[in-house]
C-alpha atoms as a PDB file:
ATOM      1  CA  MET A   1      26.152  35.448 -99.300  1.00  0.00           C
ATOM      2  CA  LYS A   2      22.532  36.555 -99.104  1.00  0.00           C
ATOM      3  CA  ILE A   3      20.317  33.622 -99.163  1.00  0.00           C
ATOM      4  CA  GLY A   4      16.586  33.167 -98.921  1.00  0.00           C
ATOM      5  CA  PHE A   5      14.889  30.149 -97.685  1.00  0.00           C
ATOM      6  CA  ILE A   6      11.025  29.463 -98.254  1.00  0.00           C
ATOM      7  CA  GLY A   7       9.710  26.520 -96.470  1.00  0.00           C
ATOM      8  CA  LEU A   8      10.853  25.977 -92.878  1.00  0.00           C
ATOM      9  CA  GLY A   9       9.432  22.382 -92.256  1.00  0.00           C
ATOM     10  CA  ALA A  10      11.316  19.389 -90.897  1.00  0.00           C
ATOM     11  CA  MET A  11      13.942  19.681 -93.416  1.00  0.00           C
ATOM     12  CA  GLY A  12      13.857  23.389 -94.256  1.00  0.00           C
ATOM     13  CA  LEU A  13      14.405  24.687 -90.616  1.00  0.00           C
ATOM     14  CA  PRO A  14      17.424  22.708 -89.774  1.00  0.00           C
ATOM     15  CA  MET A  15      18.870  23.445 -93.317  1.00  0.00           C
ATOM     16  CA  THR A  16      18.387  27.140 -92.673  1.00  0.00           C
ATOM     17  CA  ARG A  17      20.324  26.774 -89.251  1.00  0.00           C
ATOM     18  CA  HIS A  18      23.269  25.283 -91.101  1.00  0.00           C
ATOM     19  CA  LEU A  19      23.268  28.276 -93.498  1.00  0.00           C
ATOM     20  CA  LEU A  20      23.238  30.639 -90.520  1.00  0.00           C
ATOM     21  CA  ALA A  21      26.020  28.745 -88.702  1.00  0.00           C
ATOM     22  CA  ALA A  22      28.050  28.975 -91.928  1.00  0.00           C
ATOM     23  CA  GLY A  23      27.790  32.754 -91.723  1.00  0.00           C
ATOM     24  CA  HIS A  24      25.379  33.391 -94.448  1.00  0.00           C
ATOM     25  CA  ASP A  25      22.772  36.206 -94.311  1.00  0.00           C
ATOM     26  CA  VAL A  26      19.543  34.289 -94.457  1.00  0.00           C
ATOM     27  CA  THR A  27      15.888  35.744 -95.254  1.00  0.00           C
ATOM     28  CA  VAL A  28      13.120  33.381 -94.451  1.00  0.00           C
ATOM     29  CA  ALA A  29       9.291  32.718 -95.134  1.00  0.00           C
ATOM     30  CA  SER A  30       7.052  29.973 -94.420  1.00  0.00           C
ATOM     31  CA  ARG A  31       3.399  29.060 -94.080  1.00  0.00           C
ATOM     32  CA  SER A  32       3.256  28.645 -90.144  1.00  0.00           C
ATOM     33  CA  ARG A  33       4.658  31.143 -87.711  1.00  0.00           C
ATOM     34  CA  PRO A  34       6.431  28.926 -85.152  1.00  0.00           C
ATOM     35  CA  PRO A  35       9.490  27.739 -87.623  1.00  0.00           C
ATOM     36  CA  ILE A  36       9.886  31.527 -88.766  1.00  0.00           C
ATOM     37  CA  ASP A  37      10.153  32.518 -85.203  1.00  0.00           C
ATOM     38  CA  ALA A  38      12.587  29.803 -84.529  1.00  0.00           C
ATOM     39  CA  ALA A  39      14.804  30.828 -87.647  1.00  0.00           C
ATOM     40  CA  VAL A  40      14.669  34.531 -86.592  1.00  0.00           C
ATOM     41  CA  ALA A  41      15.719  33.550 -83.175  1.00  0.00           C
ATOM     42  CA  ALA A  42      18.724  31.784 -84.709  1.00  0.00           C
ATOM     43  CA  GLY A  43      19.701  34.923 -86.693  1.00  0.00           C
ATOM     44  CA  ALA A  44      17.463  34.831 -89.810  1.00  0.00           C
ATOM     45  CA  HIS A  45      15.534  37.759 -91.110  1.00  0.00           C
ATOM     46  CA  ASP A  46      11.650  37.400 -91.491  1.00  0.00           C
ATOM     47  CA  GLY A  47      10.976  37.997 -95.316  1.00  0.00           C
ATOM     48  CA  GLY A  48       7.184  37.701 -94.828  1.00  0.00           C
ATOM     49  CA  ASP A  49       6.497  36.447 -98.309  1.00  0.00           C
ATOM     50  CA  PRO A  50       8.243  34.733-101.240  1.00  0.00           C
ATOM     51  CA  ARG A  51       8.644  38.098-103.322  1.00  0.00           C
ATOM     52  CA  THR A  52      10.263  39.836-100.547  1.00  0.00           C
ATOM     53  CA  VAL A  53      12.591  36.874 -99.774  1.00  0.00           C
ATOM     54  CA  VAL A  54      13.670  36.705-103.532  1.00  0.00           C
ATOM     55  CA  ALA A  55      14.284  40.481-103.587  1.00  0.00           C
ATOM     56  CA  ALA A  56      16.496  40.303-100.564  1.00  0.00           C
ATOM     57  CA  SER A  57      18.648  37.238-101.802  1.00  0.00           C
ATOM     58  CA  GLU A  58      21.006  36.241-104.333  1.00  0.00           C
ATOM     59  CA  ILE A  59      20.147  32.529-104.162  1.00  0.00           C
ATOM     60  CA  THR A  60      16.590  31.557-102.906  1.00  0.00           C
ATOM     61  CA  ILE A  61      16.203  27.843-101.651  1.00  0.00           C
ATOM     62  CA  LEU A  62      12.650  26.291-101.798  1.00  0.00           C
ATOM     63  CA  CYS A  63      11.695  23.343 -99.675  1.00  0.00           C
ATOM     64  CA  VAL A  64       7.930  22.677 -99.983  1.00  0.00           C
ATOM     65  CA  PRO A  65       5.726  19.614-100.240  1.00  0.00           C
ATOM     66  CA  ASP A  66       4.527  19.223-103.940  1.00  0.00           C
ATOM     67  CA  SER A  67       4.347  20.744-107.416  1.00  0.00           C
ATOM     68  CA  PRO A  68       1.515  23.101-106.917  1.00  0.00           C
ATOM     69  CA  ASP A  69       3.390  24.572-103.896  1.00  0.00           C
ATOM     70  CA  VAL A  70       6.479  25.207-105.792  1.00  0.00           C
ATOM     71  CA  VAL A  71       4.480  26.650-108.671  1.00  0.00           C
ATOM     72  CA  GLU A  72       2.719  28.892-106.113  1.00  0.00           C
ATOM     73  CA  VAL A  73       5.993  30.371-104.689  1.00  0.00           C
ATOM     74  CA  VAL A  74       7.372  30.984-108.072  1.00  0.00           C
ATOM     75  CA  ASP A  75       4.260  32.795-109.140  1.00  0.00           C
ATOM     76  CA  ALA A  76       4.393  34.909-106.126  1.00  0.00           C
ATOM     77  CA  ALA A  77       8.087  35.655-106.497  1.00  0.00           C
ATOM     78  CA  LEU A  78       8.241  36.228-110.252  1.00  0.00           C
ATOM     79  CA  PRO A  79       8.154  39.860-110.161  1.00  0.00           C
ATOM     80  CA  ALA A  80      11.389  40.006-108.002  1.00  0.00           C
ATOM     81  CA  LEU A  81      13.343  37.403-110.292  1.00  0.00           C
ATOM     82  CA  GLY A  82      15.893  38.736-112.887  1.00  0.00           C
ATOM     83  CA  PRO A  83      19.584  38.753-113.630  1.00  0.00           C
ATOM     84  CA  GLY A  84      21.669  38.121-110.703  1.00  0.00           C
ATOM     85  CA  LYS A  85      19.016  35.911-108.955  1.00  0.00           C
ATOM     86  CA  THR A  86      19.139  31.967-108.626  1.00  0.00           C
ATOM     87  CA  VAL A  87      16.435  29.665-107.208  1.00  0.00           C
ATOM     88  CA  VAL A  88      17.058  26.454-106.139  1.00  0.00           C
ATOM     89  CA  ASP A  89      14.095  23.960-105.598  1.00  0.00           C
ATOM     90  CA  THR A  90      14.949  21.140-103.234  1.00  0.00           C
ATOM     91  CA  SER A  91      11.306  19.921-103.112  1.00  0.00           C
ATOM     92  CA  THR A  92      10.500  16.593-104.725  1.00  0.00           C
ATOM     93  CA  ILE A  93       7.924  17.385-107.669  1.00  0.00           C
ATOM     94  CA  ASP A  94       7.009  16.162-111.090  1.00  0.00           C
ATOM     95  CA  PRO A  95       9.859  16.636-113.569  1.00  0.00           C
ATOM     96  CA  ALA A  96       7.699  17.976-116.150  1.00  0.00           C
ATOM     97  CA  ALA A  97       6.464  20.721-113.843  1.00  0.00           C
ATOM     98  CA  GLU A  98      10.045  21.325-112.833  1.00  0.00           C
ATOM     99  CA  ARG A  99      11.223  21.687-116.489  1.00  0.00           C
ATOM    100  CA  ASP A 100       8.459  24.291-116.995  1.00  0.00           C
ATOM    101  CA  LEU A 101       9.670  26.099-114.137  1.00  0.00           C
ATOM    102  CA  HIS A 102      13.301  26.264-115.364  1.00  0.00           C
ATOM    103  CA  GLU A 103      11.950  27.976-118.404  1.00  0.00           C
ATOM    104  CA  ARG A 104       9.783  30.404-116.676  1.00  0.00           C
ATOM    105  CA  VAL A 105      12.446  31.500-114.410  1.00  0.00           C
ATOM    106  CA  ALA A 106      15.080  31.678-117.090  1.00  0.00           C
ATOM    107  CA  ALA A 107      12.805  33.946-119.072  1.00  0.00           C
ATOM    108  CA  THR A 108      13.171  36.618-116.419  1.00  0.00           C
ATOM    109  CA  GLY A 109      16.997  36.477-116.702  1.00  0.00           C
ATOM    110  CA  ALA A 110      17.360  34.544-113.481  1.00  0.00           C
ATOM    111  CA  ARG A 111      18.595  31.115-113.103  1.00  0.00           C
ATOM    112  CA  TYR A 112      17.078  27.847-111.783  1.00  0.00           C
ATOM    113  CA  LEU A 113      18.086  24.418-110.399  1.00  0.00           C
ATOM    114  CA  ASP A 114      16.045  21.524-109.346  1.00  0.00           C
ATOM    115  CA  ALA A 115      17.927  19.891-106.408  1.00  0.00           C
ATOM    116  CA  PRO A 116      15.872  17.304-104.498  1.00  0.00           C
ATOM    117  CA  LEU A 117      17.249  15.773-101.327  1.00  0.00           C
ATOM    118  CA  SER A 118      17.711  12.501 -99.702  1.00  0.00           C
ATOM    119  CA  GLY A 119      18.546  11.989 -96.070  1.00  0.00           C
ATOM    120  CA  GLY A 120      15.329  12.819 -94.344  1.00  0.00           C
ATOM    121  CA  SER A 121      14.997  15.084 -91.351  1.00  0.00           C
ATOM    122  CA  ILE A 122      17.917  13.359 -89.716  1.00  0.00           C
ATOM    123  CA  GLY A 123      20.248  14.279 -92.722  1.00  0.00           C
ATOM    124  CA  ALA A 124      18.841  17.709 -92.634  1.00  0.00           C
ATOM    125  CA  GLU A 125      19.735  17.967 -88.755  1.00  0.00           C
ATOM    126  CA  ASN A 126      23.240  16.613 -89.366  1.00  0.00           C
ATOM    127  CA  GLY A 127      23.965  18.422 -92.481  1.00  0.00           C
ATOM    128  CA  THR A 128      24.597  15.172 -94.315  1.00  0.00           C
ATOM    129  CA  LEU A 129      21.901  15.285 -97.114  1.00  0.00           C
ATOM    130  CA  THR A 130      22.561  13.984-100.613  1.00  0.00           C
ATOM    131  CA  VAL A 131      21.659  16.450-103.351  1.00  0.00           C
ATOM    132  CA  MET A 132      20.651  15.575-106.954  1.00  0.00           C
ATOM    133  CA  VAL A 133      20.894  18.560-109.084  1.00  0.00           C
ATOM    134  CA  GLY A 134      19.200  19.177-112.541  1.00  0.00           C
ATOM    135  CA  GLY A 135      20.248  22.248-114.486  1.00  0.00           C
ATOM    136  CA  ASP A 136      23.309  23.865-115.723  1.00  0.00           C
ATOM    137  CA  ALA A 137      26.554  22.969-114.291  1.00  0.00           C
ATOM    138  CA  ALA A 138      27.963  26.367-114.212  1.00  0.00           C
ATOM    139  CA  VAL A 139      24.923  27.503-112.206  1.00  0.00           C
ATOM    140  CA  LEU A 140      25.474  24.663-109.776  1.00  0.00           C
ATOM    141  CA  GLU A 141      29.005  25.728-109.220  1.00  0.00           C
ATOM    142  CA  SER A 142      28.052  29.395-108.273  1.00  0.00           C
ATOM    143  CA  ALA A 143      25.367  28.047-105.960  1.00  0.00           C
ATOM    144  CA  ARG A 144      27.449  25.628-104.044  1.00  0.00           C
ATOM    145  CA  PRO A 145      28.161  27.925-101.271  1.00  0.00           C
ATOM    146  CA  ALA A 146      24.400  27.845-100.417  1.00  0.00           C
ATOM    147  CA  LEU A 147      24.046  23.923-100.737  1.00  0.00           C
ATOM    148  CA  GLU A 148      27.253  22.693 -98.995  1.00  0.00           C
ATOM    149  CA  PRO A 149      26.601  23.791 -95.413  1.00  0.00           C
ATOM    150  CA  TRP A 150      23.519  21.282 -95.087  1.00  0.00           C
ATOM    151  CA  SER A 151      24.969  18.676 -97.570  1.00  0.00           C
ATOM    152  CA  ALA A 152      27.363  15.644 -97.584  1.00  0.00           C
ATOM    153  CA  LEU A 153      27.147  14.912-101.220  1.00  0.00           C
ATOM    154  CA  ILE A 154      26.145  17.087-104.172  1.00  0.00           C
ATOM    155  CA  VAL A 155      25.815  15.410-107.613  1.00  0.00           C
ATOM    156  CA  HIS A 156      24.969  17.137-110.919  1.00  0.00           C
ATOM    157  CA  ALA A 157      22.421  14.625-112.435  1.00  0.00           C
ATOM    158  CA  GLY A 158      22.248  16.487-115.683  1.00  0.00           C
ATOM    159  CA  GLY A 159      19.873  18.995-117.354  1.00  0.00           C
ATOM    160  CA  PRO A 160      16.665  20.417-116.064  1.00  0.00           C
ATOM    161  CA  GLY A 161      14.448  17.960-114.259  1.00  0.00           C
ATOM    162  CA  PHE A 162      17.097  15.439-114.208  1.00  0.00           C
ATOM    163  CA  GLY A 163      17.528  15.953-110.405  1.00  0.00           C
ATOM    164  CA  GLN A 164      14.039  14.962-109.983  1.00  0.00           C
ATOM    165  CA  ILE A 165      14.232  11.915-112.109  1.00  0.00           C
ATOM    166  CA  VAL A 166      17.196  10.650-109.989  1.00  0.00           C
ATOM    167  CA  LYS A 167      15.147  11.266-106.843  1.00  0.00           C
ATOM    168  CA  LEU A 168      12.115   9.346-108.204  1.00  0.00           C
ATOM    169  CA  CYS A 169      14.393   6.481-109.015  1.00  0.00           C
ATOM    170  CA  ASN A 170      15.635   6.488-105.354  1.00  0.00           C
ATOM    171  CA  GLN A 171      12.111   6.604-104.068  1.00  0.00           C
ATOM    172  CA  LEU A 172      10.957   3.777-106.011  1.00  0.00           C
ATOM    173  CA  VAL A 173      13.855   1.654-104.622  1.00  0.00           C
ATOM    174  CA  TYR A 174      13.271   2.657-100.980  1.00  0.00           C
ATOM    175  CA  ALA A 175       9.527   2.223-101.008  1.00  0.00           C
ATOM    176  CA  ALA A 176       9.927  -1.147-102.436  1.00  0.00           C
ATOM    177  CA  GLN A 177      12.551  -1.799 -99.878  1.00  0.00           C
ATOM    178  CA  MET A 178      10.269  -0.684 -96.975  1.00  0.00           C
ATOM    179  CA  LEU A 179       7.506  -3.053 -98.065  1.00  0.00           C
ATOM    180  CA  ALA A 180       9.589  -6.023 -98.530  1.00  0.00           C
ATOM    181  CA  VAL A 181      11.183  -5.467 -94.888  1.00  0.00           C
ATOM    182  CA  SER A 182       7.690  -5.036 -93.503  1.00  0.00           C
ATOM    183  CA  GLU A 183       6.603  -8.281 -94.919  1.00  0.00           C
ATOM    184  CA  ALA A 184       9.870 -10.145 -94.056  1.00  0.00           C
ATOM    185  CA  CYS A 185       9.732  -8.931 -90.425  1.00  0.00           C
ATOM    186  CA  ALA A 186       5.821  -9.853 -90.206  1.00  0.00           C
ATOM    187  CA  LEU A 187       6.759 -13.331 -91.436  1.00  0.00           C
ATOM    188  CA  ALA A 188       9.594 -13.843 -89.050  1.00  0.00           C
ATOM    189  CA  VAL A 189       7.483 -12.631 -85.930  1.00  0.00           C
ATOM    190  CA  LYS A 190       4.530 -14.884 -87.214  1.00  0.00           C
ATOM    191  CA  GLU A 191       6.885 -17.900 -87.141  1.00  0.00           C
ATOM    192  CA  GLY A 192       8.454 -16.895 -83.887  1.00  0.00           C
ATOM    193  CA  VAL A 193      11.913 -15.776 -85.078  1.00  0.00           C
ATOM    194  CA  ASP A 194      13.542 -12.953 -83.051  1.00  0.00           C
ATOM    195  CA  LEU A 195      13.928  -9.536 -85.144  1.00  0.00           C
ATOM    196  CA  ALA A 196      17.327  -9.137 -83.631  1.00  0.00           C
ATOM    197  CA  VAL A 197      18.291 -12.302 -85.516  1.00  0.00           C
ATOM    198  CA  ILE A 198      16.726 -11.072 -88.642  1.00  0.00           C
ATOM    199  CA  HIS A 199      18.603  -7.756 -88.288  1.00  0.00           C
ATOM    200  CA  GLU A 200      21.912  -9.338 -87.513  1.00  0.00           C
ATOM    201  CA  VAL A 201      21.664 -11.579 -90.454  1.00  0.00           C
ATOM    202  CA  MET A 202      20.341  -9.453 -93.239  1.00  0.00           C
ATOM    203  CA  THR A 203      22.668  -6.561 -92.357  1.00  0.00           C
ATOM    204  CA  HIS A 204      25.416  -8.990 -93.232  1.00  0.00           C
ATOM    205  CA  ALA A 205      23.573 -10.880 -96.019  1.00  0.00           C
ATOM    206  CA  THR A 206      22.256 -10.213 -99.501  1.00  0.00           C
ATOM    207  CA  GLY A 207      19.026  -8.744 -98.123  1.00  0.00           C
ATOM    208  CA  ASP A 208      21.053  -5.652 -96.566  1.00  0.00           C
ATOM    209  CA  CYS A 209      19.508  -2.386 -97.355  1.00  0.00           C
ATOM    210  CA  ASN A 210      18.683   0.905 -95.744  1.00  0.00           C
ATOM    211  CA  ALA A 211      15.236  -0.081 -94.647  1.00  0.00           C
ATOM    212  CA  ILE A 212      16.287  -3.222 -92.678  1.00  0.00           C
ATOM    213  CA  ARG A 213      19.142  -1.099 -91.072  1.00  0.00           C
ATOM    214  CA  THR A 214      17.074   1.769 -90.080  1.00  0.00           C
ATOM    215  CA  ARG A 215      13.460   1.083 -90.168  1.00  0.00           C
ATOM    216  CA  ILE A 216      12.228  -2.245 -88.798  1.00  0.00           C
ATOM    217  CA  PRO A 217       8.520  -1.737 -88.366  1.00  0.00           C
ATOM    218  CA  PHE A 218       7.956  -3.187 -84.910  1.00  0.00           C
ATOM    219  CA  GLU A 219       8.134  -1.363 -81.678  1.00  0.00           C
ATOM    220  CA  GLY A 220      11.423  -2.286 -79.508  1.00  0.00           C
ATOM    221  CA  ALA A 221      12.833  -4.265 -82.119  1.00  0.00           C
ATOM    222  CA  ARG A 222      15.604  -1.789 -82.706  1.00  0.00           C
ATOM    223  CA  PRO A 223      16.078   1.303 -80.220  1.00  0.00           C
ATOM    224  CA  ASP A 224      16.906   3.776 -83.030  1.00  0.00           C
ATOM    225  CA  THR A 225      14.017   2.911 -85.445  1.00  0.00           C
ATOM    226  CA  PRO A 226      11.007   5.273 -85.839  1.00  0.00           C
ATOM    227  CA  ALA A 227       8.808   2.511 -84.575  1.00  0.00           C
ATOM    228  CA  SER A 228      10.583   2.522 -81.269  1.00  0.00           C
ATOM    229  CA  LYS A 229      10.249   6.249 -81.116  1.00  0.00           C
ATOM    230  CA  GLY A 230       6.543   6.907 -81.453  1.00  0.00           C
ATOM    231  CA  TRP A 231       6.770   6.585 -85.289  1.00  0.00           C
ATOM    232  CA  LYS A 232       8.321  10.144 -85.221  1.00  0.00           C
ATOM    233  CA  PRO A 233       8.886  10.825 -89.028  1.00  0.00           C
ATOM    234  CA  GLY A 234      12.259  10.861 -90.604  1.00  0.00           C
ATOM    235  CA  PHE A 235      10.203  11.009 -93.841  1.00  0.00           C
ATOM    236  CA  MET A 236       6.530  10.897 -93.690  1.00  0.00           C
ATOM    237  CA  THR A 237       4.016   8.392 -94.959  1.00  0.00           C
ATOM    238  CA  ALA A 238       1.981  11.024 -96.953  1.00  0.00           C
ATOM    239  CA  LEU A 239       5.103  12.367 -98.594  1.00  0.00           C
ATOM    240  CA  MET A 240       6.245   8.736 -99.714  1.00  0.00           C
ATOM    241  CA  PHE A 241       2.713   8.239-101.002  1.00  0.00           C
ATOM    242  CA  LYS A 242       3.050  11.504-103.070  1.00  0.00           C
ATOM    243  CA  ASP A 243       6.457  10.376-104.328  1.00  0.00           C
ATOM    244  CA  VAL A 244       5.459   6.987-105.350  1.00  0.00           C
ATOM    245  CA  ASP A 245       2.307   8.708-107.342  1.00  0.00           C
ATOM    246  CA  LEU A 246       5.168  10.683-109.124  1.00  0.00           C
ATOM    247  CA  VAL A 247       7.145   7.640-109.851  1.00  0.00           C
ATOM    248  CA  LEU A 248       4.040   6.035-111.483  1.00  0.00           C
ATOM    249  CA  ARG A 249       3.224   9.008-113.652  1.00  0.00           C
ATOM    250  CA  GLU A 250       6.875   9.486-114.822  1.00  0.00           C
ATOM    251  CA  ALA A 251       7.202   5.666-115.607  1.00  0.00           C
ATOM    252  CA  ALA A 252       3.943   5.911-117.546  1.00  0.00           C
ATOM    253  CA  ARG A 253       5.367   9.013-119.773  1.00  0.00           C
ATOM    254  CA  ALA A 254       8.490   6.987-120.319  1.00  0.00           C
ATOM    255  CA  GLY A 255       6.711   3.799-121.035  1.00  0.00           C
ATOM    256  CA  VAL A 256       8.522   1.946-118.248  1.00  0.00           C
ATOM    257  CA  PRO A 257       6.897  -0.713-116.053  1.00  0.00           C
ATOM    258  CA  ALA A 258       6.952   0.271-112.355  1.00  0.00           C
ATOM    259  CA  THR A 259       5.467  -3.032-110.842  1.00  0.00           C
ATOM    260  CA  SER A 260       6.911  -2.521-107.320  1.00  0.00           C
ATOM    261  CA  ALA A 261       5.424   1.011-107.149  1.00  0.00           C
ATOM    262  CA  ASP A 262       2.011  -0.502-108.048  1.00  0.00           C
ATOM    263  CA  LEU A 263       2.444  -2.978-105.383  1.00  0.00           C
ATOM    264  CA  VAL A 264       3.548  -0.498-102.525  1.00  0.00           C
ATOM    265  CA  ARG A 265       0.976   2.399-103.553  1.00  0.00           C
ATOM    266  CA  PRO A 266      -2.063   0.663-102.165  1.00  0.00           C
ATOM    267  CA  VAL A 267      -0.202  -0.105 -98.908  1.00  0.00           C
ATOM    268  CA  LEU A 268       0.840   3.535 -98.553  1.00  0.00           C
ATOM    269  CA  ALA A 269      -2.633   4.676 -99.377  1.00  0.00           C
ATOM    270  CA  ALA A 270      -4.013   2.372 -96.642  1.00  0.00           C
ATOM    271  CA  ALA A 271      -1.512   3.820 -94.074  1.00  0.00           C
ATOM    272  CA  VAL A 272      -2.598   7.253 -95.028  1.00  0.00           C
ATOM    273  CA  ASP A 273      -6.407   6.300 -94.298  1.00  0.00           C
ATOM    274  CA  ALA A 274      -5.510   4.713 -91.108  1.00  0.00           C
ATOM    275  CA  GLY A 275      -4.309   8.185 -89.958  1.00  0.00           C
ATOM    276  CA  TYR A 276      -0.459   7.294 -90.405  1.00  0.00           C
ATOM    277  CA  GLY A 277       0.218  10.038 -92.813  1.00  0.00           C
ATOM    278  CA  ARG A 278       2.210  12.228 -90.791  1.00  0.00           C
ATOM    279  CA  GLU A 279       3.983   9.210 -89.197  1.00  0.00           C
ATOM    280  CA  ASP A 280       7.503   7.824 -90.478  1.00  0.00           C
ATOM    281  CA  PHE A 281       6.569   5.894 -93.743  1.00  0.00           C
ATOM    282  CA  SER A 282       7.787   2.687 -92.123  1.00  0.00           C
ATOM    283  CA  ALA A 283       4.264   2.810 -90.667  1.00  0.00           C
ATOM    284  CA  ILE A 284       3.331   0.777 -93.689  1.00  0.00           C
ATOM    285  CA  GLY A 285       4.558  -2.069 -91.543  1.00  0.00           C
ATOM    286  CA  LYS A 286       1.634  -1.496 -89.274  1.00  0.00           C
ATOM    287  CA  ILE A 287      -0.631  -2.162 -92.340  1.00  0.00           C
ATOM    288  CA  VAL A 288       1.221  -5.481 -93.163  1.00  0.00           C
ATOM    289  CA  ARG A 289       1.114  -6.409 -89.355  1.00  0.00           C
ATOM    290  CA  GLN A 290      -2.634  -5.934 -89.355  1.00  0.00           C
ATOM    291  CA  ARG A 291      -3.164  -7.903 -92.413  1.00  0.00           C
ATOM    292  CA  SER A 292      -0.934 -10.682 -90.865  1.00  0.00           C
ATOM    293  CA  GLY A 293      -3.158 -10.902 -87.895  1.00  0.00           C
ATOM    294  CA  LEU A 294      -0.488  -9.548 -85.750  1.00  0.00           C
ATOM    295  CA  ASP A 295      -2.281  -6.598 -84.351  1.00  0.00           C
END
């Protein structure tokens, strides 16, 4: 299958490699040169710009940071869209903006899916991402060959924008988890409790969650956490900050309280202000530690 890929960041480049390994003909574009060169070295074609990528492809996958970035790509690619073309947006963006993009792309005769991801850069590297898809179920079925090489689970969430809503629900829970784990670990350390005990107990108790399993925010507490690997991001603080803002906007539209998002947002903001924006979002634990007098 002829597949386009636009946005070769920490997620997009390994996803592209999986598509190439599956035997697809892949044309790419990205803002910076090094990942393009890496993709070309792996067998991809350099499309140069979004319009050329879409023109060369049956299915074009987008993986860019935010709503304005997706709109910019679709604007640039619009002249190349039409019957026989499908766009799959794997970015995490505003559901209302995504619904508008569904309509704009459909007006050309092309098809569109919103398909945000969970699993971070590790999931992208391993080809084990979870994909939440909004749009027509028949379009999803036709697009599966372009999604399966880098996915472990693909779920049809519903109509246009539903993939984004499911992703924001996930981010709300995960951000709240990370804040609670940061505070629990700070309390344990302040009281002299070994974090190995906290990990062993909580992974077998009612406090078990992904954040305690993978992101204890103290260097050396666990060998496989971002904190023990120089805060190398599986998912960047700046992106989680953006996602929590999206949660708050969508919750306000829906008339739903998002108290946990209100609580975690200023901690994420403080982490970004402290220069941790490109570190793993578990770096909010460094803010909790500082406020606890532990640094």
